[in-house]
C-alpha atoms as a PDB file:
ATOM      1  CA  MET A   1     -11.000  -6.091  -5.956  1.00  0.00           C
ATOM      2  CA  SER A   2     -10.983  -3.386  -8.485  1.00  0.00           C
ATOM      3  CA  SER A   3     -12.234  -0.587  -6.218  1.00  0.00           C
ATOM      4  CA  LEU A   4      -9.460  -1.257  -3.575  1.00  0.00           C
ATOM      5  CA  ILE A   5      -6.492   0.628  -3.549  1.00  0.00           C
ATOM      6  CA  PHE A   6      -3.240  -1.332  -1.985  1.00  0.00           C
ATOM      7  CA  HIS A   7      -0.439  -0.177   0.295  1.00  0.00           C
ATOM      8  CA  ILE A   8       2.895  -2.337   0.289  1.00  0.00           C
ATOM      9  CA  ALA A   9       3.821  -2.306   4.083  1.00  0.00           C
ATOM     10  CA  GLU A  10       6.379  -3.736   6.113  1.00  0.00           C
ATOM     11  CA  ARG A  11       4.856  -6.978   7.794  1.00  0.00           C
ATOM     12  CA  ALA A  12       6.249  -6.012  11.152  1.00  0.00           C
ATOM     13  CA  SER A  13       4.498  -2.483  10.909  1.00  0.00           C
ATOM     14  CA  TRP A  14       1.760  -4.180  10.011  1.00  0.00           C
ATOM     15  CA  LEU A  15       1.601  -6.416  12.871  1.00  0.00           C
ATOM     16  CA  GLY A  16       2.429  -3.871  15.352  1.00  0.00           C
ATOM     17  CA  ALA A  17      -0.865  -2.319  14.277  1.00  0.00           C
ATOM     18  CA  GLN A  18      -3.023  -5.285  15.435  1.00  0.00           C
ATOM     19  CA  GLY A  19      -4.984  -4.234  18.489  1.00  0.00           C
ATOM     20  CA  GLU A  20      -4.815  -0.718  17.557  1.00  0.00           C
ATOM     21  CA  GLU A  21      -7.356   1.318  15.704  1.00  0.00           C
ATOM     22  CA  SER A  22      -5.172   2.352  12.728  1.00  0.00           C
ATOM     23  CA  TYR A  23      -1.745   1.826  10.874  1.00  0.00           C
ATOM     24  CA  ARG A  24       0.820   4.277  10.257  1.00  0.00           C
ATOM     25  CA  CYS A  25       4.033   4.172   8.236  1.00  0.00           C
ATOM     26  CA  ALA A  26       7.116   6.272   8.071  1.00  0.00           C
ATOM     27  CA  SER A  27       5.978   8.518   5.003  1.00  0.00           C
ATOM     28  CA  LEU A  28       2.868   9.587   7.188  1.00  0.00           C
ATOM     29  CA  ALA A  29       5.436  11.214   9.219  1.00  0.00           C
ATOM     30  CA  THR A  30       7.869  12.618   6.589  1.00  0.00           C
ATOM     31  CA  GLU A  31       5.582  13.070   3.675  1.00  0.00           C
ATOM     32  CA  GLY A  32       2.253  13.822   5.218  1.00  0.00           C
ATOM     33  CA  PHE A  33       0.441  10.637   3.433  1.00  0.00           C
ATOM     34  CA  ILE A  34       0.608   6.928   3.117  1.00  0.00           C
ATOM     35  CA  HIS A  35       1.541   5.983  -0.523  1.00  0.00           C
ATOM     36  CA  CYS A  36      -0.850   3.804  -2.024  1.00  0.00           C
ATOM     37  CA  SER A  37      -1.341   2.268  -5.509  1.00  0.00           C
ATOM     38  CA  THR A  38      -4.404   0.830  -7.692  1.00  0.00           C
ATOM     39  CA  ALA A  39      -3.976  -2.481  -8.904  1.00  0.00           C
ATOM     40  CA  GLU A  40      -2.735  -1.297 -12.159  1.00  0.00           C
ATOM     41  CA  GLN A  41       0.231   0.626 -10.719  1.00  0.00           C
ATOM     42  CA  LEU A  42       1.121  -1.541  -8.060  1.00  0.00           C
ATOM     43  CA  LEU A  43       4.279  -2.996  -9.649  1.00  0.00           C
ATOM     44  CA  ILE A  44       5.543   0.359 -10.368  1.00  0.00           C
ATOM     45  CA  PRO A  45       6.923   1.099  -6.815  1.00  0.00           C
ATOM     46  CA  ALA A  46       6.985  -2.473  -5.924  1.00  0.00           C
ATOM     47  CA  ASN A  47       9.770  -2.759  -8.357  1.00  0.00           C
ATOM     48  CA  GLU A  48      11.323   0.295  -8.108  1.00  0.00           C
ATOM     49  CA  ARG A  49      11.663   0.921  -4.022  1.00  0.00           C
ATOM     50  CA  PHE A  50      11.120  -2.424  -2.964  1.00  0.00           C
ATOM     51  CA  ARG A  51      13.329  -4.996  -5.240  1.00  0.00           C
ATOM     52  CA  GLY A  52      14.087  -7.932  -3.380  1.00  0.00           C
ATOM     53  CA  ARG A  53      12.374  -7.141  -0.328  1.00  0.00           C
ATOM     54  CA  ARG A  54      11.110  -9.952   1.663  1.00  0.00           C
ATOM     55  CA  ASP A  55       9.687  -8.572   4.932  1.00  0.00           C
ATOM     56  CA  LEU A  56       6.650  -6.954   3.095  1.00  0.00           C
ATOM     57  CA  VAL A  57       2.525  -7.426   2.886  1.00  0.00           C
ATOM     58  CA  LEU A  58      -0.016  -6.194   0.413  1.00  0.00           C
ATOM     59  CA  LEU A  59      -2.834  -4.389   2.374  1.00  0.00           C
ATOM     60  CA  CYS A  60      -5.882  -3.932   0.229  1.00  0.00           C
ATOM     61  CA  ILE A  61      -7.772  -1.136   1.598  1.00  0.00           C
ATOM     62  CA  GLU A  62     -11.620  -0.026   0.636  1.00  0.00           C
ATOM     63  CA  PRO A  63     -11.302   3.526   0.212  1.00  0.00           C
ATOM     64  CA  ALA A  64     -15.214   4.226   1.659  1.00  0.00           C
ATOM     65  CA  ARG A  65     -14.010   2.871   4.826  1.00  0.00           C
ATOM     66  CA  LEU A  66     -11.421   5.741   5.173  1.00  0.00           C
ATOM     67  CA  ALA A  67     -11.804   8.196   7.340  1.00  0.00           C
ATOM     68  CA  ALA A  68      -8.653  10.284   6.239  1.00  0.00           C
ATOM     69  CA  GLU A  69      -8.637  12.268   3.048  1.00  0.00           C
ATOM     70  CA  LEU A  70      -7.779  10.135  -0.109  1.00  0.00           C
ATOM     71  CA  ARG A  71      -6.142  12.180  -2.865  1.00  0.00           C
ATOM     72  CA  TYR A  72      -5.006  11.261  -6.452  1.00  0.00           C
ATOM     73  CA  GLU A  73      -1.900  12.693  -7.395  1.00  0.00           C
ATOM     74  CA  ASP A  74       1.000  12.887  -9.737  1.00  0.00           C
ATOM     75  CA  CYS A  75       3.614  13.980  -7.240  1.00  0.00           C
ATOM     76  CA  TYR A  76       6.412  13.277  -9.129  1.00  0.00           C
ATOM     77  CA  GLN A  77       5.538  14.228 -13.121  1.00  0.00           C
ATOM     78  CA  SER A  78       5.183  10.684 -13.829  1.00  0.00           C
ATOM     79  CA  GLY A  79       1.637  11.382 -15.817  1.00  0.00           C
ATOM     80  CA  MET A  80       0.429   8.918 -13.382  1.00  0.00           C
ATOM     81  CA  GLU A  81      -1.970   9.851 -10.266  1.00  0.00           C
ATOM     82  CA  PHE A  82      -1.639   7.643  -7.442  1.00  0.00           C
ATOM     83  CA  PRO A  83      -3.792   7.403  -4.578  1.00  0.00           C
ATOM     84  CA  HIS A  84      -2.457   8.879  -1.397  1.00  0.00           C
ATOM     85  CA  VAL A  85      -4.112   8.770   2.318  1.00  0.00           C
ATOM     86  CA  TYR A  86      -3.523  11.848   4.347  1.00  0.00           C
ATOM     87  CA  GLY A  87      -3.692  10.293   7.620  1.00  0.00           C
ATOM     88  CA  ALA A  88      -3.794   7.244   9.505  1.00  0.00           C
ATOM     89  CA  VAL A  89      -5.568   3.913   7.870  1.00  0.00           C
ATOM     90  CA  GLN A  90      -7.749   2.344  10.175  1.00  0.00           C
ATOM     91  CA  VAL A  91      -7.303  -1.496  10.562  1.00  0.00           C
ATOM     92  CA  SER A  92     -10.803  -1.949   9.675  1.00  0.00           C
ATOM     93  CA  ALA A  93     -10.394  -0.126   6.147  1.00  0.00           C
ATOM     94  CA  VAL A  94      -8.055  -3.108   5.380  1.00  0.00           C
ATOM     95  CA  VAL A  95     -10.097  -5.734   4.164  1.00  0.00           C
ATOM     96  CA  ASP A  96      -7.343  -8.386   3.077  1.00  0.00           C
ATOM     97  CA  VAL A  97      -3.398  -8.644   3.803  1.00  0.00           C
ATOM     98  CA  LEU A  98      -1.871 -10.642   1.224  1.00  0.00           C
ATOM     99  CA  GLU A  99       1.758 -12.077   1.355  1.00  0.00           C
ATOM    100  CA  PHE A 100       3.865 -10.056  -0.789  1.00  0.00           C
ATOM    101  CA  GLN A 101       6.872 -11.837  -1.925  1.00  0.00           C
ATOM    102  CA  PRO A 102       9.394 -11.000  -4.925  1.00  0.00           C
ATOM    103  CA  GLY A 103      10.521 -13.837  -7.305  1.00  0.00           C
ATOM    104  CA  GLU A 104      13.955 -15.151  -7.278  1.00  0.00           C
ATOM    105  CA  ASP A 105      15.159 -12.381  -9.397  1.00  0.00           C
ATOM    106  CA  GLY A 106      13.740 -10.142  -6.994  1.00  0.00           C
ATOM    107  CA  ARG A 107      11.264  -8.612  -8.684  1.00  0.00           C
ATOM    108  CA  PHE A 108       7.634  -8.295  -8.018  1.00  0.00           C
ATOM    109  CA  GLU A 109       4.502  -9.713 -10.012  1.00  0.00           C
ATOM    110  CA  LEU A 110       0.846  -9.175  -9.025  1.00  0.00           C
ATOM    111  CA  PRO A 111      -0.601 -11.827  -6.434  1.00  0.00           C
ATOM    112  CA  PRO A 112      -2.693 -14.239  -7.869  1.00  0.00           C
ATOM    113  CA  GLU A 113      -5.426 -12.633  -6.063  1.00  0.00           C
ATOM    114  CA  LEU A 114      -5.258  -9.654  -8.295  1.00  0.00           C
ATOM    115  CA  GLY A 115      -4.431 -11.308 -11.207  1.00  0.00           C
END
């Protein structure tokens, strides 16, 4: 799974995309792109932005299947370039969906499939 990129999604939003051609989230409308991470980066946004949330899934996205532009950018001067998808993600580009639940302390760990 090392070539994949990952998007933390609200389960309801992902389920709403079923039967559609593509998945969209709020950041696409407000920021112009969908936030993603590499496996090595995943826990940074998970624990900074989603700590304690239990309504999430992890979309495993195959970049070669994306029709939208994929850019690696350091938008927050963090010194790390995160993958951003500038458009909707085709449902067919999502090759796996993993449950993404925090531990009892509210913090996330990598799913065993990525460890």
